[in-house]
Amino acid sequence: MIGITSLWVPILLSAVVVFVASWIIHVFLPYHRTDFLQVPAEDQVMEALRRTPIPPGDYIIPHAGSMQRMKDPEYIAKRTKGPVAFMTVMKGGPPTMSAELAQWFVYCAGISLFAAYIAGRALGRGSEYLAVFRFVGVSAFLGYAGALWQNSIWFKRSWGFTLKSTFDGLVYALLTAGIFGWLWPR
């Protein structure tokens, strides 16, 4: 068994490497450029939404509000007529990413921390590279990709987006596992 404090170098280094890898994936590789589609008549839709000041949050249209109301003929008619939408509304303003990037780094470090905890409980000093790689890799993969699929199942998020993000999660997990295997205490 190895304590978390003995693994701080691979925890932080793997978070940095995943952070940089995600930047490379999203800035230089083209496969995420089609993740979001443009709404037809975007300007008119945005203007209609501006007329009804919607606070930032997650919304569904139409909104049933309860399981009982999902049986209501009025709700069923709205749902049948469509459109049906899940929508996230964010505060307007110039695009900035500093808060999101900081949160992403903390998230990467958190995944590495949990992977370190799991591997540290299962393995001892001097464990073989492949054993460390397996424990950390599976743990990190679950952290980066495990919960993505429920959004496609329940909220109809594009399966293409989910599969591409799952692939990203695999890349991040492999990088994390490799760093831990390399820097595992001997």
Foldseek 3Di string as FASTA:
>chain_A
DADLVLCPVLLLVLLVVLLVVVCCCVPPPPLCVPQDDADVVNVVVVVVCVVPPDAFDKDWPPDQPDPVSCPPPVVVVRVVVDDIDIDGDDDDDDDDCPVVSVVSSVLSSVLLSVLCVQLRVVDDAPDALVSQLVSQLVSQLCSQQVPLVVCCVPVVRDVSNNVVSSVSSNVSSNSSSNSCSVSGHD
